[in-house]
Amino acid sequence: MTDQERRRGRERQPARSADELLDIVDERDRVVGQRLRGEVYEKRLRHRSTSIRVRDGAGRIFVHRRTPTKLIFPSMYDVVVGGVVGAGEDYDTAALREAEEELGVSGLPMPERQLKFLFETPDYSWFLQVYEVVCTLPVQPQAEEVEWWDFLSEDELERRLPGWDVVPDGLECHRRLNAR
């Protein structure tokens, strides 16, 4: 599938909300059903999500603080962009859609797959396909999603992380990408 076909498919995707339909997957990431997003979180059903580490042309990492209206992890800092994979959507399409939506850009290169893991806590369970992309476009993050943002050098990010309340799956993506 080309980037243009992915973008056209993305344009037909429903708005992301508690009533969005998601695929439920088994321990091998095979679809076994579908449920509404609100129910998925309420019942801790395993589903799919994407995380994309975004760098600018100078290699700095995009970081942001989520708005207080987010369904999960409101007002927390994040070191990746991303979100859930909709029902019937593939990881790659979701990654490009989520990155462009959250950064407020169009024409982003296809994010490159880096790793995949199962993120589980007592409250959440999802497979996380992790990507990286370089964005040289001027970003205009969605006000509904992003309260504050900046591009930080790796050193500056590492200095700030201990004082921030960071989204746990984003932090785990950051750790795993840096360990490679």
N, C-alpha and C. Protein backbone atom coordinates (compact mmCIF):
# COMPACT_ATOMS: atom_id res chain seq x y z
N MET A 1 0.84 -1.18 0.00
CA MET A 1 0.00 0.00 0.00
C MET A 1 0.89 1.24 0.00
N THR A 2 0.58 2.19 -0.86
CA THR A 2 1.36 3.41 -0.95
C THR A 2 0.96 4.39 0.16
N ASP A 3 1.81 5.40 0.39
CA ASP A 3 1.49 6.42 1.38
C ASP A 3 0.18 7.13 1.02
N GLN A 4 -0.04 7.39 -0.28
CA GLN A 4 -1.25 8.07 -0.71
C GLN A 4 -2.48 7.21 -0.41
N GLU A 5 -2.40 5.89 -0.65
CA GLU A 5 -3.52 5.01 -0.34
C GLU A 5 -3.77 4.97 1.17
N ARG A 6 -2.70 4.98 1.97
CA ARG A 6 -2.85 5.01 3.43
C ARG A 6 -3.56 6.29 3.87
N ARG A 7 -3.17 7.42 3.27
CA ARG A 7 -3.80 8.70 3.63
C ARG A 7 -5.28 8.70 3.27
N ARG A 8 -5.62 8.17 2.08
CA ARG A 8 -7.04 8.11 1.69
C ARG A 8 -7.81 7.23 2.66
N GLY A 9 -7.22 6.10 3.06
CA GLY A 9 -7.87 5.23 4.05
C GLY A 9 -8.02 5.92 5.38
N ARG A 10 -7.03 6.70 5.77
CA ARG A 10 -7.06 7.43 7.03
C ARG A 10 -8.20 8.44 7.03
N GLU A 11 -8.43 9.09 5.89
CA GLU A 11 -9.47 10.10 5.82
C GLU A 11 -10.85 9.50 6.06
N ARG A 12 -11.01 8.21 5.81
CA ARG A 12 -12.29 7.55 6.03
C ARG A 12 -12.41 7.01 7.45
N GLN A 13 -11.36 7.11 8.25
CA GLN A 13 -11.40 6.58 9.62
C GLN A 13 -12.29 7.46 10.49
N PRO A 14 -13.02 6.83 11.44
CA PRO A 14 -13.87 7.61 12.34
C PRO A 14 -13.03 8.40 13.34
N ALA A 15 -13.65 9.39 13.96
CA ALA A 15 -12.98 10.16 15.01
C ALA A 15 -12.62 9.23 16.16
N ARG A 16 -11.50 9.52 16.81
CA ARG A 16 -11.03 8.71 17.92
C ARG A 16 -11.75 9.10 19.20
N SER A 17 -12.53 8.16 19.77
CA SER A 17 -13.27 8.45 20.99
C SER A 17 -13.60 7.16 21.71
N ALA A 18 -14.30 7.28 22.83
CA ALA A 18 -14.68 6.12 23.62
C ALA A 18 -15.60 5.19 22.84
N ASP A 19 -16.30 5.70 21.83
CA ASP A 19 -17.20 4.84 21.06
C ASP A 19 -16.59 4.36 19.75
N GLU A 20 -15.27 4.49 19.61
CA GLU A 20 -14.54 3.98 18.46
C GLU A 20 -14.44 2.46 18.58
N LEU A 21 -14.59 1.75 17.48
CA LEU A 21 -14.50 0.30 17.45
C LEU A 21 -13.05 -0.14 17.28
N LEU A 22 -12.59 -1.04 18.17
CA LEU A 22 -11.22 -1.56 18.12
C LEU A 22 -11.24 -3.07 17.96
N ASP A 23 -10.18 -3.61 17.34
CA ASP A 23 -9.99 -5.05 17.29
C ASP A 23 -9.45 -5.53 18.63
N ILE A 24 -9.98 -6.63 19.11
CA ILE A 24 -9.47 -7.31 20.30
C ILE A 24 -8.59 -8.44 19.79
N VAL A 25 -7.40 -8.61 20.40
CA VAL A 25 -6.45 -9.61 19.91
C VAL A 25 -6.06 -10.58 21.01
N ASP A 26 -5.57 -11.75 20.58
CA ASP A 26 -5.11 -12.76 21.53
C ASP A 26 -3.63 -12.56 21.84
N GLU A 27 -3.04 -13.51 22.54
CA GLU A 27 -1.64 -13.40 22.96
C GLU A 27 -0.66 -13.42 21.79
N ARG A 28 -1.12 -13.78 20.60
CA ARG A 28 -0.28 -13.77 19.39
C ARG A 28 -0.62 -12.61 18.46
N ASP A 29 -1.42 -11.68 18.96
CA ASP A 29 -1.82 -10.49 18.21
C ASP A 29 -2.72 -10.85 17.02
N ARG A 30 -3.55 -11.89 17.19
CA ARG A 30 -4.53 -12.26 16.17
C ARG A 30 -5.89 -11.73 16.60
N VAL A 31 -6.64 -11.16 15.66
CA VAL A 31 -7.95 -10.60 15.98
C VAL A 31 -8.91 -11.70 16.39
N VAL A 32 -9.56 -11.48 17.55
CA VAL A 32 -10.53 -12.44 18.06
C VAL A 32 -11.90 -11.81 18.30
N GLY A 33 -12.02 -10.50 18.05
CA GLY A 33 -13.30 -9.83 18.24
C GLY A 33 -13.14 -8.33 18.11
N GLN A 34 -14.23 -7.63 18.37
CA GLN A 34 -14.21 -6.17 18.33
C GLN A 34 -15.06 -5.65 19.48
N ARG A 35 -14.61 -4.52 20.03
CA ARG A 35 -15.34 -3.87 21.12
C ARG A 35 -15.12 -2.35 21.01
N LEU A 36 -15.99 -1.60 21.66
CA LEU A 36 -15.84 -0.16 21.71
C LEU A 36 -14.67 0.21 22.61
N ARG A 37 -13.99 1.28 22.26
CA ARG A 37 -12.79 1.71 22.98
C ARG A 37 -13.03 1.88 24.48
N GLY A 38 -14.13 2.49 24.86
CA GLY A 38 -14.44 2.66 26.27
C GLY A 38 -14.51 1.34 27.01
N GLU A 39 -15.15 0.35 26.41
CA GLU A 39 -15.26 -0.98 27.00
C GLU A 39 -13.90 -1.67 27.04
N VAL A 40 -13.09 -1.48 26.00
CA VAL A 40 -11.75 -2.06 25.94
C VAL A 40 -10.93 -1.62 27.15
N TYR A 41 -10.96 -0.32 27.46
CA TYR A 41 -10.21 0.19 28.61
C TYR A 41 -10.84 -0.25 29.93
N GLU A 42 -12.16 -0.20 29.99
CA GLU A 42 -12.87 -0.57 31.21
C GLU A 42 -12.62 -2.03 31.60
N LYS A 43 -12.59 -2.92 30.60
CA LYS A 43 -12.44 -4.36 30.87
C LYS A 43 -11.03 -4.87 30.65
N ARG A 44 -10.08 -3.96 30.34
CA ARG A 44 -8.68 -4.32 30.13
C ARG A 44 -8.54 -5.38 29.02
N LEU A 45 -9.20 -5.16 27.91
CA LEU A 45 -9.12 -6.08 26.78
C LEU A 45 -7.88 -5.76 25.95
N ARG A 46 -7.19 -6.80 25.52
CA ARG A 46 -5.96 -6.62 24.74
C ARG A 46 -6.31 -6.14 23.34
N HIS A 47 -5.62 -5.08 22.90
CA HIS A 47 -5.86 -4.50 21.58
C HIS A 47 -4.53 -4.04 20.99
N ARG A 48 -4.60 -3.22 19.96
CA ARG A 48 -3.39 -2.78 19.24
C ARG A 48 -3.23 -1.26 19.33
N SER A 49 -1.97 -0.85 19.38
CA SER A 49 -1.65 0.57 19.43
C SER A 49 -0.32 0.82 18.72
N THR A 50 -0.08 2.08 18.38
CA THR A 50 1.18 2.47 17.76
C THR A 50 1.84 3.57 18.59
N SER A 51 3.15 3.60 18.54
CA SER A 51 3.93 4.69 19.13
C SER A 51 5.01 5.08 18.12
N ILE A 52 5.15 6.38 17.92
CA ILE A 52 6.11 6.86 16.93
C ILE A 52 7.03 7.89 17.59
N ARG A 53 8.33 7.58 17.61
CA ARG A 53 9.29 8.59 18.07
C ARG A 53 9.58 9.49 16.88
N VAL A 54 9.38 10.79 17.09
CA VAL A 54 9.53 11.78 16.03
C VAL A 54 10.77 12.61 16.32
N ARG A 55 11.62 12.72 15.32
CA ARG A 55 12.79 13.61 15.41
C ARG A 55 12.65 14.69 14.35
N ASP A 56 13.24 15.84 14.65
CA ASP A 56 13.29 16.90 13.63
C ASP A 56 14.56 16.71 12.81
N GLY A 57 14.80 17.60 11.87
CA GLY A 57 15.97 17.50 11.00
C GLY A 57 17.29 17.57 11.74
N ALA A 58 17.30 18.14 12.95
CA ALA A 58 18.51 18.23 13.77
C ALA A 58 18.67 17.03 14.71
N GLY A 59 17.74 16.09 14.65
CA GLY A 59 17.84 14.90 15.49
C GLY A 59 17.20 15.02 16.86
N ARG A 60 16.59 16.18 17.13
CA ARG A 60 15.92 16.37 18.42
C ARG A 60 14.60 15.59 18.46
N ILE A 61 14.18 15.20 19.64
CA ILE A 61 13.00 14.36 19.84
C ILE A 61 11.80 15.23 20.20
N PHE A 62 10.68 14.98 19.53
CA PHE A 62 9.42 15.66 19.83
C PHE A 62 8.88 15.13 21.15
N VAL A 63 8.61 16.03 22.08
CA VAL A 63 8.00 15.68 23.37
C VAL A 63 6.80 16.59 23.58
N HIS A 64 5.84 16.12 24.35
CA HIS A 64 4.65 16.93 24.57
C HIS A 64 3.96 16.55 25.88
N ARG A 65 3.06 17.43 26.30
CA ARG A 65 2.19 17.13 27.43
C ARG A 65 0.78 16.99 26.88
N ARG A 66 0.15 15.90 27.26
CA ARG A 66 -1.20 15.60 26.80
C ARG A 66 -2.22 16.55 27.46
N THR A 67 -3.31 16.77 26.80
CA THR A 67 -4.35 17.63 27.37
C THR A 67 -5.07 16.90 28.51
N PRO A 68 -5.70 17.64 29.41
CA PRO A 68 -6.41 17.01 30.52
C PRO A 68 -7.68 16.28 30.09
N THR A 69 -8.10 16.43 28.84
CA THR A 69 -9.31 15.77 28.37
C THR A 69 -9.06 14.41 27.73
N LYS A 70 -7.80 13.98 27.67
CA LYS A 70 -7.48 12.68 27.06
C LYS A 70 -8.15 11.55 27.84
N LEU A 71 -8.58 10.51 27.13
CA LEU A 71 -9.28 9.38 27.74
C LEU A 71 -8.39 8.64 28.74
N ILE A 72 -7.12 8.43 28.38
CA ILE A 72 -6.17 7.83 29.33
C ILE A 72 -4.92 8.70 29.40
N PHE A 73 -4.26 8.63 30.52
CA PHE A 73 -3.02 9.38 30.79
C PHE A 73 -3.18 10.89 30.55
N PRO A 74 -4.28 11.50 31.04
CA PRO A 74 -4.45 12.94 30.84
C PRO A 74 -3.36 13.74 31.53
N SER A 75 -2.98 14.85 30.92
CA SER A 75 -2.02 15.82 31.45
C SER A 75 -0.62 15.27 31.71
N MET A 76 -0.32 14.10 31.18
CA MET A 76 1.02 13.52 31.35
C MET A 76 1.90 13.89 30.17
N TYR A 77 3.21 13.89 30.39
CA TYR A 77 4.18 14.11 29.33
C TYR A 77 4.33 12.83 28.52
N ASP A 78 4.70 12.99 27.25
CA ASP A 78 4.94 11.83 26.40
C ASP A 78 6.13 12.11 25.50
N VAL A 79 6.87 11.07 25.19
CA VAL A 79 8.06 11.17 24.35
C VAL A 79 7.85 10.53 22.99
N VAL A 80 6.62 10.09 22.75
CA VAL A 80 6.21 9.53 21.45
C VAL A 80 4.83 10.08 21.12
N VAL A 81 4.44 9.98 19.87
CA VAL A 81 3.07 10.23 19.46
C VAL A 81 2.49 8.89 19.06
N GLY A 82 1.19 8.82 18.94
CA GLY A 82 0.60 7.56 18.52
C GLY A 82 -0.78 7.38 19.09
N GLY A 83 -1.28 6.17 18.99
CA GLY A 83 -2.61 5.88 19.51
C GLY A 83 -3.08 4.52 19.05
N VAL A 84 -4.36 4.27 19.31
CA VAL A 84 -4.93 2.96 19.02
C VAL A 84 -5.05 2.72 17.52
N VAL A 85 -5.04 1.44 17.19
CA VAL A 85 -5.28 0.98 15.82
C VAL A 85 -6.77 0.67 15.74
N GLY A 86 -7.48 1.31 14.84
CA GLY A 86 -8.91 1.09 14.70
C GLY A 86 -9.23 -0.29 14.17
N ALA A 87 -10.46 -0.72 14.35
CA ALA A 87 -10.92 -2.02 13.85
C ALA A 87 -10.68 -2.11 12.35
N GLY A 88 -10.02 -3.18 11.92
CA GLY A 88 -9.75 -3.40 10.50
C GLY A 88 -8.58 -2.60 9.95
N GLU A 89 -7.98 -1.75 10.76
CA GLU A 89 -6.86 -0.93 10.34
C GLU A 89 -5.56 -1.69 10.60
N ASP A 90 -4.53 -1.46 9.81
CA ASP A 90 -3.24 -2.10 10.07
C ASP A 90 -2.34 -1.13 10.83
N TYR A 91 -1.29 -1.67 11.45
CA TYR A 91 -0.37 -0.85 12.25
C TYR A 91 0.23 0.30 11.45
N ASP A 92 0.69 0.02 10.23
CA ASP A 92 1.38 1.05 9.45
C ASP A 92 0.44 2.23 9.11
N THR A 93 -0.78 1.92 8.72
CA THR A 93 -1.75 2.97 8.42
C THR A 93 -2.03 3.80 9.67
N ALA A 94 -2.22 3.13 10.80
CA ALA A 94 -2.49 3.83 12.05
C ALA A 94 -1.31 4.71 12.46
N ALA A 95 -0.09 4.22 12.27
CA ALA A 95 1.10 4.99 12.66
C ALA A 95 1.18 6.29 11.86
N LEU A 96 1.01 6.21 10.56
CA LEU A 96 1.07 7.41 9.74
C LEU A 96 -0.07 8.36 10.09
N ARG A 97 -1.27 7.84 10.24
CA ARG A 97 -2.43 8.66 10.59
C ARG A 97 -2.20 9.36 11.93
N GLU A 98 -1.81 8.60 12.94
CA GLU A 98 -1.62 9.17 14.27
C GLU A 98 -0.51 10.23 14.28
N ALA A 99 0.60 9.95 13.62
CA ALA A 99 1.71 10.91 13.60
C ALA A 99 1.28 12.21 12.92
N GLU A 100 0.63 12.10 11.78
CA GLU A 100 0.20 13.32 11.08
C GLU A 100 -0.85 14.08 11.88
N GLU A 101 -1.80 13.36 12.48
CA GLU A 101 -2.83 14.02 13.28
C GLU A 101 -2.23 14.77 14.46
N GLU A 102 -1.40 14.08 15.23
CA GLU A 102 -0.87 14.69 16.45
C GLU A 102 0.12 15.80 16.17
N LEU A 103 0.87 15.68 15.09
CA LEU A 103 1.83 16.73 14.74
C LEU A 103 1.18 17.87 13.96
N GLY A 104 -0.01 17.62 13.41
CA GLY A 104 -0.68 18.63 12.61
C GLY A 104 0.00 18.88 11.29
N VAL A 105 0.46 17.80 10.65
CA VAL A 105 1.14 17.90 9.37
C VAL A 105 0.48 16.99 8.34
N SER A 106 0.82 17.21 7.10
CA SER A 106 0.39 16.35 6.01
C SER A 106 1.61 16.11 5.12
N GLY A 107 1.77 14.89 4.65
CA GLY A 107 2.91 14.58 3.80
C GLY A 107 4.12 14.05 4.55
N LEU A 108 3.91 13.56 5.75
CA LEU A 108 4.99 12.97 6.54
C LEU A 108 5.47 11.69 5.86
N PRO A 109 6.78 11.41 5.87
CA PRO A 109 7.22 10.12 5.32
C PRO A 109 6.66 8.98 6.16
N MET A 110 6.57 7.82 5.55
CA MET A 110 6.06 6.65 6.27
C MET A 110 6.99 6.35 7.44
N PRO A 111 6.46 6.30 8.69
CA PRO A 111 7.30 5.93 9.83
C PRO A 111 7.89 4.53 9.64
N GLU A 112 9.11 4.34 10.13
CA GLU A 112 9.81 3.06 9.99
C GLU A 112 9.61 2.21 11.23
N ARG A 113 9.20 0.95 11.00
CA ARG A 113 9.01 0.00 12.10
C ARG A 113 10.34 -0.26 12.81
N GLN A 114 10.29 -0.28 14.15
CA GLN A 114 11.49 -0.52 14.94
C GLN A 114 11.36 -1.77 15.81
N LEU A 115 10.29 -1.90 16.55
CA LEU A 115 10.11 -3.03 17.44
C LEU A 115 8.65 -3.15 17.83
N LYS A 116 8.30 -4.27 18.42
CA LYS A 116 6.93 -4.52 18.85
C LYS A 116 6.98 -5.27 20.17
N PHE A 117 6.10 -4.90 21.09
CA PHE A 117 6.04 -5.61 22.37
C PHE A 117 4.63 -5.52 22.95
N LEU A 118 4.36 -6.38 23.91
CA LEU A 118 3.10 -6.37 24.63
C LEU A 118 3.28 -5.50 25.87
N PHE A 119 2.51 -4.43 25.96
CA PHE A 119 2.53 -3.54 27.12
C PHE A 119 1.40 -3.96 28.03
N GLU A 120 1.73 -4.35 29.25
CA GLU A 120 0.70 -4.79 30.19
C GLU A 120 0.95 -4.20 31.56
N THR A 121 -0.12 -3.72 32.16
CA THR A 121 -0.12 -3.26 33.54
C THR A 121 -1.38 -3.84 34.17
N PRO A 122 -1.59 -3.64 35.46
CA PRO A 122 -2.86 -4.12 36.04
C PRO A 122 -4.09 -3.48 35.39
N ASP A 123 -3.92 -2.32 34.75
CA ASP A 123 -5.06 -1.62 34.15
C ASP A 123 -5.16 -1.73 32.63
N TYR A 124 -4.05 -1.98 31.93
CA TYR A 124 -4.03 -1.91 30.48
C TYR A 124 -3.30 -3.10 29.87
N SER A 125 -3.69 -3.42 28.62
CA SER A 125 -3.03 -4.48 27.88
C SER A 125 -3.17 -4.20 26.38
N TRP A 126 -2.02 -3.92 25.72
CA TRP A 126 -2.05 -3.73 24.28
C TRP A 126 -0.71 -4.07 23.65
N PHE A 127 -0.79 -4.55 22.39
CA PHE A 127 0.42 -4.72 21.60
C PHE A 127 0.79 -3.35 21.07
N LEU A 128 2.07 -3.06 21.13
CA LEU A 128 2.56 -1.75 20.74
C LEU A 128 3.59 -1.90 19.64
N GLN A 129 3.24 -1.45 18.45
CA GLN A 129 4.18 -1.41 17.32
C GLN A 129 4.84 -0.04 17.38
N VAL A 130 6.16 -0.04 17.49
CA VAL A 130 6.92 1.18 17.69
C VAL A 130 7.64 1.56 16.39
N TYR A 131 7.59 2.84 16.08
CA TYR A 131 8.16 3.39 14.86
C TYR A 131 9.07 4.57 15.17
N GLU A 132 9.83 4.99 14.15
CA GLU A 132 10.56 6.24 14.19
C GLU A 132 10.34 6.95 12.86
N VAL A 133 10.33 8.29 12.91
CA VAL A 133 10.19 9.09 11.70
C VAL A 133 10.90 10.43 11.92
N VAL A 134 11.42 10.97 10.83
CA VAL A 134 12.00 12.32 10.85
C VAL A 134 10.98 13.25 10.22
N CYS A 135 10.64 14.31 10.94
CA CYS A 135 9.68 15.30 10.46
C CYS A 135 10.41 16.62 10.23
N THR A 136 10.53 17.02 8.98
CA THR A 136 11.16 18.30 8.66
C THR A 136 10.11 19.36 8.33
N LEU A 137 8.85 19.01 8.48
CA LEU A 137 7.74 19.94 8.24
C LEU A 137 7.48 20.78 9.48
N PRO A 138 6.95 21.98 9.33
CA PRO A 138 6.58 22.76 10.52
C PRO A 138 5.38 22.09 11.20
N VAL A 139 5.51 21.79 12.48
CA VAL A 139 4.44 21.09 13.19
C VAL A 139 3.46 22.08 13.80
N GLN A 140 2.21 21.66 13.86
CA GLN A 140 1.13 22.41 14.49
C GLN A 140 0.27 21.40 15.24
N PRO A 141 0.75 20.92 16.40
CA PRO A 141 0.03 19.86 17.12
C PRO A 141 -1.42 20.22 17.42
N GLN A 142 -2.26 19.19 17.39
CA GLN A 142 -3.68 19.35 17.67
C GLN A 142 -3.89 19.89 19.08
N ALA A 143 -4.62 20.97 19.20
CA ALA A 143 -4.90 21.55 20.51
C ALA A 143 -5.72 20.59 21.39
N GLU A 144 -6.53 19.73 20.77
CA GLU A 144 -7.33 18.76 21.53
C GLU A 144 -6.48 17.65 22.13
N GLU A 145 -5.29 17.43 21.57
CA GLU A 145 -4.42 16.33 21.98
C GLU A 145 -3.21 16.80 22.78
N VAL A 146 -2.67 17.95 22.40
CA VAL A 146 -1.37 18.39 22.91
C VAL A 146 -1.50 19.77 23.57
N GLU A 147 -1.13 19.83 24.85
CA GLU A 147 -1.21 21.07 25.61
C GLU A 147 0.08 21.90 25.49
N TRP A 148 1.22 21.21 25.42
CA TRP A 148 2.55 21.84 25.30
C TRP A 148 3.43 20.90 24.51
N TRP A 149 4.39 21.45 23.76
CA TRP A 149 5.31 20.60 23.00
C TRP A 149 6.61 21.34 22.74
N ASP A 150 7.64 20.51 22.42
CA ASP A 150 8.94 21.05 22.03
C ASP A 150 9.75 19.92 21.41
N PHE A 151 10.80 20.27 20.69
CA PHE A 151 11.80 19.30 20.25
C PHE A 151 12.99 19.46 21.18
N LEU A 152 13.42 18.36 21.82
CA LEU A 152 14.52 18.42 22.77
C LEU A 152 15.66 17.50 22.33
N SER A 153 16.89 17.93 22.61
CA SER A 153 18.04 17.05 22.37
C SER A 153 17.91 15.86 23.31
N GLU A 154 18.59 14.78 22.98
CA GLU A 154 18.54 13.60 23.85
C GLU A 154 19.04 13.92 25.25
N ASP A 155 20.11 14.71 25.36
CA ASP A 155 20.64 15.08 26.68
C ASP A 155 19.62 15.88 27.48
N GLU A 156 18.99 16.86 26.84
CA GLU A 156 17.99 17.68 27.53
C GLU A 156 16.80 16.82 27.95
N LEU A 157 16.36 15.92 27.09
CA LEU A 157 15.25 15.05 27.43
C LEU A 157 15.59 14.19 28.65
N GLU A 158 16.77 13.61 28.65
CA GLU A 158 17.18 12.76 29.78
C GLU A 158 17.26 13.57 31.08
N ARG A 159 17.64 14.83 31.01
CA ARG A 159 17.68 15.69 32.20
C ARG A 159 16.27 15.97 32.73
N ARG A 160 15.31 16.11 31.83
CA ARG A 160 13.95 16.45 32.24
C ARG A 160 13.11 15.25 32.69
N LEU A 161 13.36 14.09 32.13
CA LEU A 161 12.50 12.93 32.40
C LEU A 161 12.28 12.64 33.89
N PRO A 162 13.30 12.68 34.74
CA PRO A 162 13.06 12.35 36.15
C PRO A 162 12.04 13.26 36.85
N GLY A 163 11.88 14.47 36.40
CA GLY A 163 10.93 15.39 37.03
C GLY A 163 9.54 15.39 36.41
N TRP A 164 9.36 14.63 35.34
CA TRP A 164 8.08 14.59 34.63
C TRP A 164 7.28 13.36 34.99
N ASP A 165 5.96 13.50 34.96
CA ASP A 165 5.02 12.38 35.05
C ASP A 165 4.80 11.93 33.60
N VAL A 166 5.47 10.84 33.21
CA VAL A 166 5.52 10.44 31.80
C VAL A 166 4.58 9.26 31.54
N VAL A 167 3.90 9.30 30.40
CA VAL A 167 3.04 8.20 29.97
C VAL A 167 3.86 6.91 30.01
N PRO A 168 3.39 5.88 30.72
CA PRO A 168 4.23 4.69 30.93
C PRO A 168 4.59 3.92 29.67
N ASP A 169 3.67 3.77 28.72
CA ASP A 169 4.04 3.02 27.51
C ASP A 169 5.00 3.83 26.64
N GLY A 170 4.84 5.15 26.61
CA GLY A 170 5.78 6.00 25.87
C GLY A 170 7.17 5.93 26.46
N LEU A 171 7.26 5.94 27.78
CA LEU A 171 8.55 5.83 28.45
C LEU A 171 9.19 4.48 28.16
N GLU A 172 8.39 3.42 28.15
CA GLU A 172 8.93 2.09 27.84
C GLU A 172 9.41 2.03 26.39
N CYS A 173 8.70 2.66 25.46
CA CYS A 173 9.17 2.74 24.07
C CYS A 173 10.52 3.45 24.02
N HIS A 174 10.62 4.57 24.70
CA HIS A 174 11.86 5.35 24.75
C HIS A 174 13.02 4.49 25.26
N ARG A 175 12.79 3.79 26.35
CA ARG A 175 13.83 2.94 26.93
C ARG A 175 14.26 1.83 25.96
N ARG A 176 13.28 1.18 25.36
CA ARG A 176 13.60 0.08 24.44
C ARG A 176 14.31 0.58 23.18
N LEU A 177 13.88 1.71 22.65
CA LEU A 177 14.56 2.25 21.47
C LEU A 177 15.99 2.63 21.81
N ASN A 178 16.23 3.21 22.97
CA ASN A 178 17.58 3.61 23.37
C ASN A 178 18.47 2.42 23.69
N ALA A 179 17.88 1.29 24.03
CA ALA A 179 18.68 0.09 24.37
C ALA A 179 19.15 -0.66 23.13
N ARG A 180 18.65 -0.27 21.97
CA ARG A 180 18.99 -1.00 20.73
C ARG A 180 20.35 -0.62 20.24
